[in-house]
Amino acid sequence: MKIALALTSAIVLAAGLVSPAAHAAETGKLVVFQDTPVLVDHPDPDFEANKSGHVFFFAGDLRNTKANKIGEVIGQVTTFDVTPDGIKNEDRFRELVFNMSKGQIVVLGASQYAAAAAPDFANNNAPVTAVIVGGTGEYVGVRGTVTTKKRPNGTYRHTFRFVD
């Protein structure tokens, strides 16, 4: 009896230590398309692009799957040049706000590009996944991720996956 009770207690404790994300179930999906973004470079004209600390800002109209405008995305990307293992990398920290009629979705994330020379973000087509950190309106309390994929025509597809 004592062994069974100890084993049950250990299982309950172990289950409580498992990350909540391991139990998260997808509750919804939203796909939106972004027009080619308008880019605004760092406001300091003497600031060198593609160097550590370089910041650029962008905005683009958002459309649903029927191509109807449903809002806009605004964001900023900060570049860091980090080489901890001797391989030249360009890391980019992303801060995005998706403004839509039902509210906002706020997203944060980072991506890393390994290359001999800093790649041009506009030419990089690798999908990037970032975390949803919150929202307003119908998106209050929303959690999950968004995966952004650049399309061949210069527009973007954002796939939101919401979880409990």
C-alpha atoms as a PDB file:
ATOM      1  CA  MET A   1       0.000   0.000   0.000  1.00  0.00           C
ATOM      2  CA  LYS A   2       2.805   2.426   0.922  1.00  0.00           C
ATOM      3  CA  ILE A   3       4.621   1.607  -2.331  1.00  0.00           C
ATOM      4  CA  ALA A   4       1.465   2.213  -4.409  1.00  0.00           C
ATOM      5  CA  LEU A   5       0.849   5.525  -2.610  1.00  0.00           C
ATOM      6  CA  ALA A   6       4.472   6.609  -3.112  1.00  0.00           C
ATOM      7  CA  LEU A   7       4.339   5.631  -6.794  1.00  0.00           C
ATOM      8  CA  THR A   8       1.063   7.519  -7.302  1.00  0.00           C
ATOM      9  CA  SER A   9       2.520  10.599  -5.580  1.00  0.00           C
ATOM     10  CA  ALA A  10       5.634  10.427  -7.777  1.00  0.00           C
ATOM     11  CA  ILE A  11       3.542  10.213 -10.968  1.00  0.00           C
ATOM     12  CA  VAL A  12       1.375  13.165  -9.916  1.00  0.00           C
ATOM     13  CA  LEU A  13       4.492  15.211  -9.058  1.00  0.00           C
ATOM     14  CA  ALA A  14       6.184  14.321 -12.363  1.00  0.00           C
ATOM     15  CA  ALA A  15       3.058  15.273 -14.325  1.00  0.00           C
ATOM     16  CA  GLY A  16       3.042  18.644 -12.585  1.00  0.00           C
ATOM     17  CA  LEU A  17       6.659  19.274 -13.587  1.00  0.00           C
ATOM     18  CA  VAL A  18       6.034  18.741 -17.309  1.00  0.00           C
ATOM     19  CA  SER A  19       6.001  21.971 -19.272  1.00  0.00           C
ATOM     20  CA  PRO A  20       2.497  23.384 -19.860  1.00  0.00           C
ATOM     21  CA  ALA A  21       3.429  23.672 -23.544  1.00  0.00           C
ATOM     22  CA  ALA A  22       3.655  19.887 -23.691  1.00  0.00           C
ATOM     23  CA  HIS A  23      -0.066  19.791 -22.876  1.00  0.00           C
ATOM     24  CA  ALA A  24      -1.060  22.640 -25.191  1.00  0.00           C
ATOM     25  CA  ALA A  25      -3.573  21.673 -27.834  1.00  0.00           C
ATOM     26  CA  GLU A  26      -4.126  23.653 -31.020  1.00  0.00           C
ATOM     27  CA  THR A  27      -7.493  25.369 -30.745  1.00  0.00           C
ATOM     28  CA  GLY A  28      -7.522  27.397 -33.920  1.00  0.00           C
ATOM     29  CA  LYS A  29      -5.679  28.511 -37.005  1.00  0.00           C
ATOM     30  CA  LEU A  30      -5.726  31.829 -38.838  1.00  0.00           C
ATOM     31  CA  VAL A  31      -4.012  32.475 -42.170  1.00  0.00           C
ATOM     32  CA  VAL A  32      -3.472  36.033 -43.385  1.00  0.00           C
ATOM     33  CA  PHE A  33      -1.511  37.414 -46.294  1.00  0.00           C
ATOM     34  CA  GLN A  34       0.644  40.527 -46.151  1.00  0.00           C
ATOM     35  CA  ASP A  35       1.241  42.815 -49.107  1.00  0.00           C
ATOM     36  CA  THR A  36       4.845  43.652 -49.945  1.00  0.00           C
ATOM     37  CA  PRO A  37       6.019  45.666 -46.925  1.00  0.00           C
ATOM     38  CA  VAL A  38       7.039  49.287 -46.945  1.00  0.00           C
ATOM     39  CA  LEU A  39      10.453  49.455 -45.262  1.00  0.00           C
ATOM     40  CA  VAL A  40      11.743  52.397 -43.262  1.00  0.00           C
ATOM     41  CA  ASP A  41      15.403  52.306 -42.360  1.00  0.00           C
ATOM     42  CA  HIS A  42      17.029  53.524 -39.161  1.00  0.00           C
ATOM     43  CA  PRO A  43      16.324  57.253 -38.680  1.00  0.00           C
ATOM     44  CA  ASP A  44      20.064  58.035 -38.332  1.00  0.00           C
ATOM     45  CA  PRO A  45      21.383  58.487 -41.907  1.00  0.00           C
ATOM     46  CA  ASP A  46      24.966  57.739 -40.752  1.00  0.00           C
ATOM     47  CA  PHE A  47      24.001  54.369 -39.239  1.00  0.00           C
ATOM     48  CA  GLU A  48      25.475  51.419 -41.177  1.00  0.00           C
ATOM     49  CA  ALA A  49      22.945  48.841 -42.362  1.00  0.00           C
ATOM     50  CA  ASN A  50      23.416  45.119 -41.609  1.00  0.00           C
ATOM     51  CA  LYS A  51      25.602  45.789 -38.562  1.00  0.00           C
ATOM     52  CA  SER A  52      24.925  45.009 -34.912  1.00  0.00           C
ATOM     53  CA  GLY A  53      22.137  47.179 -33.637  1.00  0.00           C
ATOM     54  CA  HIS A  54      20.761  48.045 -37.070  1.00  0.00           C
ATOM     55  CA  VAL A  55      17.007  48.606 -36.836  1.00  0.00           C
ATOM     56  CA  PHE A  56      14.461  48.839 -39.589  1.00  0.00           C
ATOM     57  CA  PHE A  57      10.736  49.354 -39.395  1.00  0.00           C
ATOM     58  CA  PHE A  58       8.069  48.122 -41.768  1.00  0.00           C
ATOM     59  CA  ALA A  59       4.344  48.043 -42.407  1.00  0.00           C
ATOM     60  CA  GLY A  60       2.146  46.131 -44.789  1.00  0.00           C
ATOM     61  CA  ASP A  61      -1.543  45.649 -45.470  1.00  0.00           C
ATOM     62  CA  LEU A  62      -3.064  42.353 -44.353  1.00  0.00           C
ATOM     63  CA  ARG A  63      -5.546  40.389 -46.443  1.00  0.00           C
ATOM     64  CA  ASN A  64      -7.700  37.352 -45.821  1.00  0.00           C
ATOM     65  CA  THR A  65      -7.791  34.298 -48.089  1.00  0.00           C
ATOM     66  CA  LYS A  66     -10.292  36.115 -50.366  1.00  0.00           C
ATOM     67  CA  ALA A  67      -7.780  39.009 -50.830  1.00  0.00           C
ATOM     68  CA  ASN A  68      -9.964  41.458 -48.852  1.00  0.00           C
ATOM     69  CA  LYS A  69      -8.020  43.961 -46.731  1.00  0.00           C
ATOM     70  CA  ILE A  70      -8.468  43.136 -43.027  1.00  0.00           C
ATOM     71  CA  GLY A  71      -5.826  45.313 -41.376  1.00  0.00           C
ATOM     72  CA  GLU A  72      -2.105  45.922 -41.301  1.00  0.00           C
ATOM     73  CA  VAL A  73       1.037  44.595 -39.694  1.00  0.00           C
ATOM     74  CA  ILE A  74       3.652  46.947 -38.277  1.00  0.00           C
ATOM     75  CA  GLY A  75       6.975  45.898 -36.891  1.00  0.00           C
ATOM     76  CA  GLN A  76      10.612  46.427 -36.259  1.00  0.00           C
ATOM     77  CA  VAL A  77      13.594  44.166 -36.765  1.00  0.00           C
ATOM     78  CA  THR A  78      16.883  44.637 -34.906  1.00  0.00           C
ATOM     79  CA  THR A  79      20.012  42.969 -36.292  1.00  0.00           C
ATOM     80  CA  PHE A  80      22.774  41.491 -34.131  1.00  0.00           C
ATOM     81  CA  ASP A  81      26.032  40.010 -35.432  1.00  0.00           C
ATOM     82  CA  VAL A  82      26.942  37.177 -33.088  1.00  0.00           C
ATOM     83  CA  THR A  83      29.717  34.621 -33.607  1.00  0.00           C
ATOM     84  CA  PRO A  84      29.878  32.477 -30.432  1.00  0.00           C
ATOM     85  CA  ASP A  85      31.131  29.337 -32.238  1.00  0.00           C
ATOM     86  CA  GLY A  86      33.270  30.961 -34.950  1.00  0.00           C
ATOM     87  CA  ILE A  87      30.530  30.757 -37.595  1.00  0.00           C
ATOM     88  CA  LYS A  88      29.424  34.178 -38.746  1.00  0.00           C
ATOM     89  CA  ASN A  89      25.754  34.648 -37.907  1.00  0.00           C
ATOM     90  CA  GLU A  90      23.233  37.388 -38.307  1.00  0.00           C
ATOM     91  CA  ASP A  91      20.535  37.258 -35.667  1.00  0.00           C
ATOM     92  CA  ARG A  92      17.365  39.300 -35.957  1.00  0.00           C
ATOM     93  CA  PHE A  93      14.985  40.148 -33.148  1.00  0.00           C
ATOM     94  CA  ARG A  94      11.427  40.773 -34.395  1.00  0.00           C
ATOM     95  CA  GLU A  95       8.619  42.754 -32.793  1.00  0.00           C
ATOM     96  CA  LEU A  96       5.327  42.650 -34.717  1.00  0.00           C
ATOM     97  CA  VAL A  97       1.799  43.943 -34.176  1.00  0.00           C
ATOM     98  CA  PHE A  98      -1.003  42.637 -36.369  1.00  0.00           C
ATOM     99  CA  ASN A  99      -3.789  45.279 -36.311  1.00  0.00           C
ATOM    100  CA  MET A 100      -7.055  43.749 -37.468  1.00  0.00           C
ATOM    101  CA  SER A 101     -10.716  44.697 -37.118  1.00  0.00           C
ATOM    102  CA  LYS A 102     -11.259  42.230 -34.244  1.00  0.00           C
ATOM    103  CA  GLY A 103      -8.192  43.416 -32.309  1.00  0.00           C
ATOM    104  CA  GLN A 104      -4.420  43.194 -32.243  1.00  0.00           C
ATOM    105  CA  ILE A 105      -2.078  40.219 -32.016  1.00  0.00           C
ATOM    106  CA  VAL A 106       1.388  41.000 -30.612  1.00  0.00           C
ATOM    107  CA  VAL A 107       4.298  38.759 -31.635  1.00  0.00           C
ATOM    108  CA  LEU A 108       7.975  38.484 -30.611  1.00  0.00           C
ATOM    109  CA  GLY A 109      10.655  36.252 -32.028  1.00  0.00           C
ATOM    110  CA  ALA A 110      14.164  35.871 -33.361  1.00  0.00           C
ATOM    111  CA  SER A 111      15.803  34.256 -36.331  1.00  0.00           C
ATOM    112  CA  GLN A 112      19.370  33.369 -37.195  1.00  0.00           C
ATOM    113  CA  TYR A 113      21.094  33.363 -40.564  1.00  0.00           C
ATOM    114  CA  ALA A 114      24.510  31.705 -40.919  1.00  0.00           C
ATOM    115  CA  ALA A 115      26.481  33.023 -43.867  1.00  0.00           C
ATOM    116  CA  ALA A 116      29.906  34.145 -45.002  1.00  0.00           C
ATOM    117  CA  ALA A 117      28.476  37.662 -45.378  1.00  0.00           C
ATOM    118  CA  ALA A 118      25.361  39.153 -43.867  1.00  0.00           C
ATOM    119  CA  PRO A 119      22.402  38.057 -45.993  1.00  0.00           C
ATOM    120  CA  ASP A 120      19.843  40.466 -47.318  1.00  0.00           C
ATOM    121  CA  PHE A 121      16.617  39.779 -45.361  1.00  0.00           C
ATOM    122  CA  ALA A 122      14.507  40.633 -48.399  1.00  0.00           C
ATOM    123  CA  ASN A 123      16.100  37.712 -50.263  1.00  0.00           C
ATOM    124  CA  ASN A 124      15.808  35.154 -47.478  1.00  0.00           C
ATOM    125  CA  ASN A 125      12.839  32.835 -47.938  1.00  0.00           C
ATOM    126  CA  ALA A 126      13.235  30.631 -44.865  1.00  0.00           C
ATOM    127  CA  PRO A 127      10.035  30.482 -42.765  1.00  0.00           C
ATOM    128  CA  VAL A 128      10.313  32.132 -39.353  1.00  0.00           C
ATOM    129  CA  THR A 129       8.217  31.106 -36.327  1.00  0.00           C
ATOM    130  CA  ALA A 130       7.610  33.506 -33.447  1.00  0.00           C
ATOM    131  CA  VAL A 131       5.572  33.431 -30.259  1.00  0.00           C
ATOM    132  CA  ILE A 132       2.274  35.232 -29.766  1.00  0.00           C
ATOM    133  CA  VAL A 133       2.668  37.223 -26.544  1.00  0.00           C
ATOM    134  CA  GLY A 134      -0.791  38.727 -26.306  1.00  0.00           C
ATOM    135  CA  GLY A 135      -3.582  40.580 -27.938  1.00  0.00           C
ATOM    136  CA  THR A 136      -6.510  42.952 -27.650  1.00  0.00           C
ATOM    137  CA  GLY A 137     -10.199  42.722 -28.496  1.00  0.00           C
ATOM    138  CA  GLU A 138     -11.141  39.180 -29.532  1.00  0.00           C
ATOM    139  CA  TYR A 139      -7.481  38.205 -29.148  1.00  0.00           C
ATOM    140  CA  VAL A 140      -7.166  39.007 -25.417  1.00  0.00           C
ATOM    141  CA  GLY A 141      -5.325  36.136 -23.736  1.00  0.00           C
ATOM    142  CA  VAL A 142      -4.450  34.419 -27.004  1.00  0.00           C
ATOM    143  CA  ARG A 143      -1.393  32.138 -26.981  1.00  0.00           C
ATOM    144  CA  GLY A 144       0.433  30.277 -29.702  1.00  0.00           C
ATOM    145  CA  THR A 145       2.777  30.888 -32.600  1.00  0.00           C
ATOM    146  CA  VAL A 146       2.840  32.502 -36.004  1.00  0.00           C
ATOM    147  CA  THR A 147       4.938  31.183 -38.878  1.00  0.00           C
ATOM    148  CA  THR A 148       5.834  33.717 -41.536  1.00  0.00           C
ATOM    149  CA  LYS A 149       6.843  32.621 -45.026  1.00  0.00           C
ATOM    150  CA  LYS A 150       8.006  34.953 -47.770  1.00  0.00           C
ATOM    151  CA  ARG A 151       6.297  34.192 -51.061  1.00  0.00           C
ATOM    152  CA  PRO A 152       7.997  34.407 -54.483  1.00  0.00           C
ATOM    153  CA  ASN A 153       6.048  37.596 -55.361  1.00  0.00           C
ATOM    154  CA  GLY A 154       7.449  39.501 -52.319  1.00  0.00           C
ATOM    155  CA  THR A 155       4.310  39.144 -50.189  1.00  0.00           C
ATOM    156  CA  TYR A 156       4.117  37.109 -46.978  1.00  0.00           C
ATOM    157  CA  ARG A 157       1.875  34.393 -45.574  1.00  0.00           C
ATOM    158  CA  HIS A 158       1.347  34.421 -41.786  1.00  0.00           C
ATOM    159  CA  THR A 159      -0.086  31.234 -40.278  1.00  0.00           C
ATOM    160  CA  PHE A 160      -1.269  31.679 -36.679  1.00  0.00           C
ATOM    161  CA  ARG A 161      -1.712  28.572 -34.541  1.00  0.00           C
ATOM    162  CA  PHE A 162      -3.611  29.252 -31.327  1.00  0.00           C
ATOM    163  CA  VAL A 163      -3.296  26.929 -28.322  1.00  0.00           C
ATOM    164  CA  ASP A 164      -4.991  26.476 -24.940  1.00  0.00           C
END
